[in-house]
Structure formats: structure tokens, C-alpha cells
Protein backbone atom coordinates (compact mmCIF):
# COMPACT_ATOMS: atom_id res chain seq x y z
CA UNK A 1 52.61 4.01 44.40
CA UNK A 2 53.66 5.18 47.86
CA UNK A 3 54.91 3.62 51.09
CA UNK A 4 52.88 3.25 54.24
CA UNK A 5 55.52 3.79 56.89
CA UNK A 6 53.16 5.52 59.34
CA UNK A 7 50.68 2.65 59.17
CA UNK A 8 53.26 -0.07 59.83
CA UNK A 9 54.80 1.82 62.69
CA UNK A 10 51.37 2.34 64.29
CA UNK A 11 50.85 -1.46 64.40
CA UNK A 12 53.94 -1.72 66.64
CA UNK A 13 53.02 1.39 68.70
CA UNK A 14 49.34 1.44 69.62
CA UNK A 15 48.96 -0.53 72.86
CA UNK A 16 46.90 -3.65 72.34
CA UNK A 17 45.90 -2.44 68.86
CA UNK A 18 43.08 -0.64 70.69
CA UNK A 19 42.51 3.17 70.68
CA UNK A 20 39.86 5.83 70.15
CA UNK A 21 39.51 7.04 66.51
CA UNK A 22 41.55 10.17 67.07
CA UNK A 23 44.60 8.24 68.27
CA UNK A 24 44.40 5.88 65.27
CA UNK A 25 44.40 8.99 63.09
CA UNK A 26 47.35 10.55 64.89
CA UNK A 27 49.47 7.41 64.69
CA UNK A 28 48.53 6.43 61.09
CA UNK A 29 48.54 9.95 59.66
CA UNK A 30 47.87 9.89 55.88
CA UNK A 31 47.62 6.09 55.98
CA UNK A 32 44.47 6.06 58.13
CA UNK A 33 42.13 5.27 55.23
CA UNK A 34 43.98 2.04 54.57
CA UNK A 35 43.35 0.69 58.07
CA UNK A 36 39.97 2.32 58.79
CA UNK A 37 37.86 -0.41 57.14
CA UNK A 38 39.51 -2.93 59.46
CA UNK A 39 38.79 -1.09 62.73
CA UNK A 40 35.88 -2.41 64.81
CA UNK A 41 34.08 -0.30 67.39
CA UNK A 42 33.99 -1.73 70.95
CA UNK A 43 31.62 -0.86 73.77
CA UNK A 44 34.48 0.52 75.89
CA UNK A 45 35.05 4.25 76.34
CA UNK A 46 38.59 5.65 76.24
CA UNK A 47 40.03 7.86 78.99
CA UNK A 48 42.46 10.09 77.01
CA UNK A 49 42.34 12.22 73.88
CA UNK A 50 45.29 13.42 71.72
CA UNK A 51 46.74 16.81 72.45
CA UNK A 52 47.53 19.34 69.68
CA UNK A 53 50.63 20.39 71.68
CA UNK A 54 51.98 17.04 72.94
CA UNK A 55 55.38 18.41 74.05
CA UNK A 56 53.86 20.85 76.57
CA UNK A 57 52.21 20.34 79.91
CA UNK A 58 50.25 17.38 81.25
CA UNK A 59 48.61 16.11 78.06
CA UNK A 60 47.12 14.11 76.38
CA UNK A 61 43.76 15.52 77.30
CA UNK A 62 41.37 13.74 79.67
CA UNK A 63 37.96 12.60 78.42
CA UNK A 64 35.10 13.75 80.68
CA UNK A 65 31.63 12.20 80.46
CA UNK A 66 28.82 14.74 80.98
CA UNK A 67 26.10 12.16 80.48
CA UNK A 68 23.40 11.96 77.78
CA UNK A 69 26.05 11.09 75.20
CA UNK A 70 27.96 14.36 75.68
CA UNK A 71 31.72 14.30 76.34
CA UNK A 72 34.66 16.66 76.31
CA UNK A 73 38.44 16.43 76.07
CA UNK A 74 39.93 18.60 78.81
CA UNK A 75 43.51 19.81 78.99
CA UNK A 76 45.26 18.47 82.12
CA UNK A 77 47.81 21.29 82.26
CA UNK A 78 47.02 23.75 85.10
CA UNK A 79 47.41 26.59 82.58
CA UNK A 80 44.89 24.99 80.15
CA UNK A 81 47.35 25.20 77.25
CA UNK A 82 44.96 23.52 74.77
CA UNK A 83 41.26 24.25 74.31
CA UNK A 84 38.39 22.06 75.52
CA UNK A 85 36.97 19.95 72.74
CA UNK A 86 33.32 18.76 72.68
CA UNK A 87 32.95 15.10 71.75
CA UNK A 88 30.20 12.58 70.97
CA UNK A 89 30.14 8.96 72.11
CA UNK A 90 31.44 7.77 68.72
CA UNK A 91 34.55 9.83 69.36
CA UNK A 92 35.35 8.16 72.67
CA UNK A 93 34.57 4.51 72.00
CA UNK A 94 37.69 2.41 71.54
CA UNK A 95 38.31 0.78 68.16
CA UNK A 96 40.30 -2.42 67.77
CA UNK A 97 42.03 -3.90 64.77
CA UNK A 98 40.10 -6.73 63.11
CA UNK A 99 43.04 -9.04 62.50
CA UNK A 100 41.01 -11.47 60.37
CA UNK A 101 39.87 -8.75 57.99
CA UNK A 102 43.24 -7.02 57.76
CA UNK A 103 45.35 -10.20 57.45
CA UNK A 104 43.14 -11.33 54.57
CA UNK A 105 44.10 -8.20 52.63
CA UNK A 106 47.78 -8.76 53.51
CA UNK A 107 47.59 -12.40 52.39
CA UNK A 108 46.07 -11.47 49.05
CA UNK A 109 48.97 -9.15 48.26
CA UNK A 110 51.84 -11.21 49.69
CA UNK A 111 51.40 -14.71 48.33
CA UNK A 112 49.69 -16.33 51.35
CA UNK A 113 46.83 -18.82 51.12
CA UNK A 114 44.76 -17.18 53.87
CA UNK A 115 42.94 -18.92 56.66
CA UNK A 116 40.97 -17.59 59.59
CA UNK A 117 43.69 -16.38 61.99
CA UNK A 118 44.63 -18.70 64.84
CA UNK A 119 45.77 -16.90 68.00
CA UNK A 120 49.23 -18.19 69.01
CA UNK A 121 49.47 -15.92 72.02
CA UNK A 122 50.64 -12.33 72.67
CA UNK A 123 49.48 -10.71 69.43
CA UNK A 124 50.85 -13.44 67.20
CA UNK A 125 48.60 -15.25 64.72
CA UNK A 126 48.87 -18.02 62.18
CA UNK A 127 47.24 -16.49 59.06
CA UNK A 128 47.76 -19.13 56.34
CA UNK A 129 50.27 -21.00 54.15
CA UNK A 130 52.87 -19.42 51.91
CA UNK A 131 52.49 -19.86 48.16
CA UNK A 132 55.95 -18.49 47.39
CA UNK A 133 58.38 -20.92 45.83
CA UNK A 134 61.08 -20.65 48.47
CA UNK A 135 58.62 -21.20 51.38
CA UNK A 136 55.84 -23.16 49.67
CA UNK A 137 53.19 -24.39 52.13
CA UNK A 138 55.07 -23.14 55.19
CA UNK A 139 52.87 -21.65 57.93
CA UNK A 140 52.84 -17.84 57.99
CA UNK A 141 52.77 -16.10 61.37
CA UNK A 142 51.88 -12.41 61.81
CA UNK A 143 53.54 -10.64 64.76
CA UNK A 144 52.09 -7.29 65.90
CA UNK A 145 54.15 -6.49 69.00
CA UNK A 146 55.59 -3.24 70.38
CA UNK A 147 58.53 -4.57 72.39
CA UNK A 148 61.43 -6.62 71.07
CA UNK A 149 61.48 -8.72 74.26
CA UNK A 150 57.90 -9.86 73.63
CA UNK A 151 58.65 -10.49 69.95
CA UNK A 152 61.60 -12.68 70.87
CA UNK A 153 59.56 -14.59 73.48
CA UNK A 154 56.77 -15.25 70.95
CA UNK A 155 59.27 -16.35 68.30
CA UNK A 156 60.96 -18.73 70.75
CA UNK A 157 57.59 -20.31 71.58
CA UNK A 158 56.96 -20.96 67.91
CA UNK A 159 60.42 -22.40 67.38
CA UNK A 160 59.64 -24.95 70.06
CA UNK A 161 56.10 -25.67 68.90
CA UNK A 162 56.61 -25.82 65.10
CA UNK A 163 59.09 -28.53 64.02
CA UNK A 164 59.77 -27.31 60.49
CA UNK A 165 60.31 -23.92 58.82
CA UNK A 166 57.75 -21.15 58.82
CA UNK A 167 57.47 -17.52 57.71
CA UNK A 168 57.72 -14.58 60.11
CA UNK A 169 55.70 -11.52 59.09
CA UNK A 170 55.94 -8.24 61.04
CA UNK A 171 55.17 -4.57 60.28
CA UNK A 172 58.82 -3.42 60.38
CA UNK A 173 62.34 -4.70 60.97
CA UNK A 174 62.66 -3.01 64.35
CA UNK A 175 62.71 -6.38 66.17
CA UNK A 176 65.12 -8.00 63.73
CA UNK A 177 68.22 -7.93 65.90
CA UNK A 178 71.39 -10.01 65.49
CA UNK A 179 70.06 -12.49 68.01
CA UNK A 180 66.76 -12.81 66.21
CA UNK A 181 68.46 -13.22 62.85
CA UNK A 182 70.66 -16.03 64.24
CA UNK A 183 67.50 -17.85 65.44
CA UNK A 184 65.87 -17.44 62.03
CA UNK A 185 68.91 -18.50 60.02
CA UNK A 186 69.39 -21.55 62.23
CA UNK A 187 66.03 -22.87 61.03
CA UNK A 188 65.93 -21.37 57.53
CA UNK A 189 63.04 -19.13 58.47
CA UNK A 190 62.32 -16.12 56.20
CA UNK A 191 61.41 -12.74 57.68
CA UNK A 192 59.05 -10.43 55.74
CA UNK A 193 58.70 -6.84 56.91
CA UNK A 194 55.48 -5.24 55.67
CA UNK A 195 57.08 -1.80 55.28
CA UNK A 196 59.57 -3.32 52.86
CA UNK A 197 57.13 -5.64 51.10
CA UNK A 198 53.97 -3.54 50.52
CA UNK A 199 52.95 -0.22 49.01
CA UNK A 200 49.63 1.32 48.06
CA UNK A 201 48.73 2.00 44.43
CA UNK A 202 46.69 4.86 42.98
CA UNK A 203 43.45 2.86 43.41
CA UNK A 204 44.07 2.45 47.16
CA UNK A 205 45.03 -1.25 46.95
CA UNK A 206 47.90 -2.87 48.78
CA UNK A 207 50.40 -4.23 46.30
CA UNK A 208 53.62 -6.15 46.74
CA UNK A 209 56.93 -4.62 45.91
CA UNK A 210 58.12 -8.08 44.89
CA UNK A 211 56.81 -8.84 41.36
CA UNK A 212 56.95 -12.57 42.15
CA UNK A 213 54.09 -12.14 44.60
CA UNK A 214 51.76 -10.76 41.99
CA UNK A 215 52.79 -13.52 39.59
CA UNK A 216 52.03 -16.25 42.07
CA UNK A 217 48.72 -14.90 43.30
CA UNK A 218 46.11 -17.04 41.52
CA UNK A 219 42.59 -16.45 42.63
CA UNK A 220 39.93 -19.11 42.14
CA UNK A 221 37.15 -18.31 39.69
CA UNK A 222 33.73 -18.64 41.41
CA UNK A 223 32.13 -21.96 40.41
CA UNK A 224 28.99 -20.35 39.08
CA UNK A 225 31.12 -18.09 36.77
CA UNK A 226 33.47 -20.67 35.31
CA UNK A 227 31.46 -21.55 32.19
CA UNK A 228 31.22 -17.91 31.20
CA UNK A 229 34.90 -17.27 31.92
CA UNK A 230 35.97 -20.23 29.77
CA UNK A 231 33.65 -19.09 26.98
CA UNK A 232 35.11 -15.58 27.03
CA UNK A 233 38.66 -16.98 27.17
CA UNK A 234 38.06 -19.23 24.13
CA UNK A 235 36.61 -16.33 22.18
CA UNK A 236 39.49 -14.06 23.11
CA UNK A 237 42.20 -16.60 22.32
CA UNK A 238 40.43 -18.43 19.48
CA UNK A 239 41.03 -21.80 21.10
CA UNK A 240 39.22 -24.94 22.18
CA UNK A 241 38.67 -26.47 25.61
CA UNK A 242 41.22 -29.09 24.66
CA UNK A 243 43.82 -26.34 24.25
CA UNK A 244 43.21 -25.18 27.83
CA UNK A 245 43.56 -28.73 29.12
CA UNK A 246 46.83 -29.24 27.27
CA UNK A 247 48.22 -25.89 28.41
CA UNK A 248 47.39 -26.79 32.02
CA UNK A 249 48.75 -30.37 31.52
CA UNK A 250 45.68 -31.98 33.00
CA UNK A 251 43.24 -34.75 32.04
CA UNK A 252 39.85 -33.99 30.55
CA UNK A 253 38.06 -35.50 33.59
CA UNK A 254 40.01 -33.18 35.94
CA UNK A 255 39.03 -30.18 33.86
CA UNK A 256 35.33 -30.98 34.27
CA UNK A 257 35.79 -31.56 38.00
CA UNK A 258 37.20 -28.04 38.20
CA UNK A 259 34.39 -26.71 36.04
CA UNK A 260 31.62 -28.04 38.29
CA UNK A 261 33.56 -27.37 41.53
CA UNK A 262 33.69 -30.98 42.67
CA UNK A 263 37.35 -30.64 43.77
CA UNK A 264 38.86 -28.02 46.15
CA UNK A 265 40.21 -24.81 44.60
CA UNK A 266 43.68 -25.31 46.10
CA UNK A 267 44.30 -28.58 44.21
CA UNK A 268 47.12 -28.40 41.75
CA UNK A 269 44.73 -29.17 38.90
CA UNK A 270 42.57 -26.16 39.71
CA UNK A 271 45.59 -23.87 40.16
CA UNK A 272 47.01 -25.03 36.80
CA UNK A 273 43.75 -24.16 35.00
CA UNK A 274 43.47 -20.73 36.71
CA UNK A 275 47.06 -19.97 35.70
CA UNK A 276 46.20 -20.63 32.03
CA UNK A 277 43.11 -18.43 32.29
CA UNK A 278 45.28 -15.63 33.61
CA UNK A 279 48.37 -16.07 31.40
CA UNK A 280 46.77 -17.39 28.23
CA UNK A 281 47.67 -20.23 25.92
CA UNK A 282 51.45 -20.53 25.41
CA UNK A 283 52.52 -19.96 21.84
CA UNK A 284 53.57 -23.11 20.03
CA UNK A 285 56.99 -22.95 18.37
CA UNK A 286 56.79 -22.29 14.66
CA UNK A 287 58.00 -25.14 12.54
CA UNK A 288 60.61 -24.22 9.98
CA UNK A 289 60.25 -26.05 6.69
CA UNK A 290 63.47 -27.19 5.21
């Protein structure tokens, strides 16, 4: 597994989470493939293009439209330090982060029951409810802001609007100042930095660095697949349906409600059954004959 420090920093650097593809690649570096599936092309053309020599002259380069879908990136230094680069329209159209798509992946890895993000103003979104024991069912808010002043202002708005505790999620700890920590501690609000909480595995999946997250992430089995899953489980564990019900500590009627999908997946009954299907039937203690 490896860290994704470039990716997390980019989410607090790229203005408005909106840039042409080349700038996303420059900021994200080797982490670009993680974020690329969550970038959506807009109909707006960018004005600037990254420079290969950013410390010299008047760069970044300017994008010039020649018409007929032909563009070029032109060095703005009077000595033309970097070469002209021919571009196509796909190279100059701005791409924006799809917060819904990306936050769903984050939620899956970090113990959050995801919901369609709700905009809470200034690049702050409610993305679901925590499933972690210490913050169970608390709202989770994702902050993607470049300036600490804006982060603090957004946090203060939430402190006034939300009466109970909630979870703050941000790409890094750069905004976690003493003043911010005092505000968080005063309300018992946990802060989760993505650069400390997530890594990428060899298969390209985001995984939590906290083993408790993986242990708590219970995904619902699709309704149409439950009969087969139970059959396979019984064959593998040599058990009966009654054993599953007992291991989940549920009534028979509730089991069949789960099986036919007549109750919501987030009900405790459903979660208990899914946990058994993941963890297996607990071993019964062996009786010692005297």
C-alpha cells in the first residue's frame, strides 16, 4: 500500500476544484489515476496551461484558440523560454471534481453510511452518517477548502446550525490549528484527515489505515442475490438457516423480511445478518465431560 499525499494536497490547492486535465495531472502527480474517474468535463475552456519551467519567466503558458478545434499553449515570457504546444479541445476544457462520486468511494472506505451530498456552502458537504462506534450516526461533513480562514468560517456555521456532535473530514490537517482544535474539543467533534486515514492498495482501491473501519463496513447483499448467498454460506459452514438466525440474535420473521427485502438495509436486523454472513457462525464452546 502507498500514501496519496499529492492527491490530498491537490484537493486543498486547485481553485474551485476546477482545472484543465494538465493541471490536475501536475497537482496530483502519480495519484492522478485515483481521481481521474471522478473528474467531469465542463463546457468551459481554460485560459492557462502548465509550464515545464514554472520558476522562470511569465508562465504558466497562455491558451490560444485558433478555431476549428485547434489550440496552442504559448509561453508568455518575452524570450519564449518554453516551446509552443499544440492542443485539442479536450485538452483545454475544464474538468471539475464530482463530489458525489468521489465521496461515495471515501465513505465506503471510512465507515460512513453514504448519502447524496448536501451542499452546506463554500465547498463543504454533508456526505452521510458515521458507522464508527465513537461517532455512531453522527453527520459527516467533507471540507475541501484551500484557506484556513474559509475552513474556520464554514466550521463555525456548522457549529451554529448543528446542535449535536458531527464528524469533520478534510484532505489534510493543514487547517487544524489550536483555535480549530479548541472548537472541536468543546463539542466533542472528531477530525479525520484523509491523508492520515486512507492509502491505496495494490489493486488500486482506497483502504483505511484504521482496521476498525474495515471491520465495521458491512455492505448489504442485493435482494435478488440473498437466497444464493445464504445457500452458499450454509454449504460452506455446514449449518442451517436457524443457526444464522441464532448467530444474528434475530427472530425467524425478521430473517425472512431481510431475505425478501421488505425492510430497509440499514435496520439493525439486516446489519446483524450481513455481519454473520461476513464473519461466519461463532464457534460454540466445547463442553467438557466430567
